[in-house]
Amino acid sequence: MLKGIRDEIKPKLLKKHFVVSDYIPYGTNWLAYSIRRLKERKRNILLLGSSFIQSHRV
């Protein structure tokens, strides 16, 4: 199983019969978990910010 793959690459991998999944934290502690994960790897903050900006472009 591959994890952390960009969305635009996933269809290509699926065609090659790779198993690809999306991980989405949920439940009552999702926010605390997500913040902890961001703190563990500072680069994730930049990725989150750039993803947010790209998804909200007009």
C-alpha atoms as a PDB file:
ATOM      1  CA  MET A   1       0.000   0.000   0.000  1.00  0.00           C
ATOM      2  CA  LEU A   2       1.281   3.450  -0.877  1.00  0.00           C
ATOM      3  CA  LYS A   3       0.633   6.379   1.428  1.00  0.00           C
ATOM      4  CA  GLY A   4       1.105  10.110   0.962  1.00  0.00           C
ATOM      5  CA  ILE A   5       0.611  10.101  -2.796  1.00  0.00           C
ATOM      6  CA  ARG A   6      -0.499  13.258  -4.603  1.00  0.00           C
ATOM      7  CA  ASP A   7      -4.070  13.157  -5.894  1.00  0.00           C
ATOM      8  CA  GLU A   8      -3.099  13.653  -9.534  1.00  0.00           C
ATOM      9  CA  ILE A   9      -0.838  10.578  -9.440  1.00  0.00           C
ATOM     10  CA  LYS A  10      -3.356   8.211  -7.824  1.00  0.00           C
ATOM     11  CA  PRO A  11      -5.305   7.314 -11.008  1.00  0.00           C
ATOM     12  CA  LYS A  12      -2.084   6.340 -12.784  1.00  0.00           C
ATOM     13  CA  LEU A  13      -1.065   4.104  -9.890  1.00  0.00           C
ATOM     14  CA  LEU A  14      -4.506   2.510  -9.751  1.00  0.00           C
ATOM     15  CA  LYS A  15      -4.272   1.653 -13.451  1.00  0.00           C
ATOM     16  CA  LYS A  16      -1.026  -0.151 -12.626  1.00  0.00           C
ATOM     17  CA  HIS A  17      -2.879  -2.097  -9.902  1.00  0.00           C
ATOM     18  CA  PHE A  18      -1.304  -0.371  -6.916  1.00  0.00           C
ATOM     19  CA  VAL A  19      -3.457  -0.049  -3.810  1.00  0.00           C
ATOM     20  CA  VAL A  20      -3.866   3.617  -2.893  1.00  0.00           C
ATOM     21  CA  SER A  21      -5.838   5.040   0.015  1.00  0.00           C
ATOM     22  CA  ASP A  22      -6.715   8.383   1.550  1.00  0.00           C
ATOM     23  CA  TYR A  23      -6.296   8.850   5.276  1.00  0.00           C
ATOM     24  CA  ILE A  24      -8.802  11.133   6.950  1.00  0.00           C
ATOM     25  CA  PRO A  25      -8.736  11.569  10.734  1.00  0.00           C
ATOM     26  CA  TYR A  26     -12.187  11.690  12.305  1.00  0.00           C
ATOM     27  CA  GLY A  27     -13.890  11.378  15.657  1.00  0.00           C
ATOM     28  CA  THR A  28     -13.876  13.595  18.700  1.00  0.00           C
ATOM     29  CA  ASN A  29     -10.082  14.059  18.775  1.00  0.00           C
ATOM     30  CA  TRP A  30      -9.446  14.707  15.083  1.00  0.00           C
ATOM     31  CA  LEU A  31      -8.331  18.311  15.605  1.00  0.00           C
ATOM     32  CA  ALA A  32      -5.869  17.535  18.395  1.00  0.00           C
ATOM     33  CA  TYR A  33      -4.481  14.638  16.355  1.00  0.00           C
ATOM     34  CA  SER A  34      -4.117  16.792  13.244  1.00  0.00           C
ATOM     35  CA  ILE A  35      -2.356  19.576  15.141  1.00  0.00           C
ATOM     36  CA  ARG A  36       0.019  17.079  16.735  1.00  0.00           C
ATOM     37  CA  ARG A  37       0.855  15.629  13.316  1.00  0.00           C
ATOM     38  CA  LEU A  38       1.528  19.116  11.939  1.00  0.00           C
ATOM     39  CA  LYS A  39       3.879  19.844  14.828  1.00  0.00           C
ATOM     40  CA  GLU A  40       5.740  16.572  14.256  1.00  0.00           C
ATOM     41  CA  ARG A  41       6.691  17.577  10.736  1.00  0.00           C
ATOM     42  CA  LYS A  42       6.864  21.306  10.103  1.00  0.00           C
ATOM     43  CA  ARG A  43       6.849  20.828   6.336  1.00  0.00           C
ATOM     44  CA  ASN A  44       3.259  19.602   6.607  1.00  0.00           C
ATOM     45  CA  ILE A  45       2.204  23.109   7.623  1.00  0.00           C
ATOM     46  CA  LEU A  46       3.546  24.455   4.325  1.00  0.00           C
ATOM     47  CA  LEU A  47       1.850  21.654   2.401  1.00  0.00           C
ATOM     48  CA  LEU A  48      -1.442  22.336   4.139  1.00  0.00           C
ATOM     49  CA  GLY A  49      -1.184  26.056   3.429  1.00  0.00           C
ATOM     50  CA  SER A  50      -0.303  25.617  -0.234  1.00  0.00           C
ATOM     51  CA  SER A  51      -3.073  23.053  -0.670  1.00  0.00           C
ATOM     52  CA  PHE A  52      -5.578  25.445   0.876  1.00  0.00           C
ATOM     53  CA  ILE A  53      -4.452  28.303  -1.372  1.00  0.00           C
ATOM     54  CA  GLN A  54      -4.571  26.156  -4.517  1.00  0.00           C
ATOM     55  CA  SER A  55      -8.055  24.870  -3.730  1.00  0.00           C
ATOM     56  CA  HIS A  56      -9.408  28.398  -3.214  1.00  0.00           C
ATOM     57  CA  ARG A  57      -8.029  30.082  -6.331  1.00  0.00           C
ATOM     58  CA  VAL A  58     -10.581  31.768  -8.527  1.00  0.00           C
END
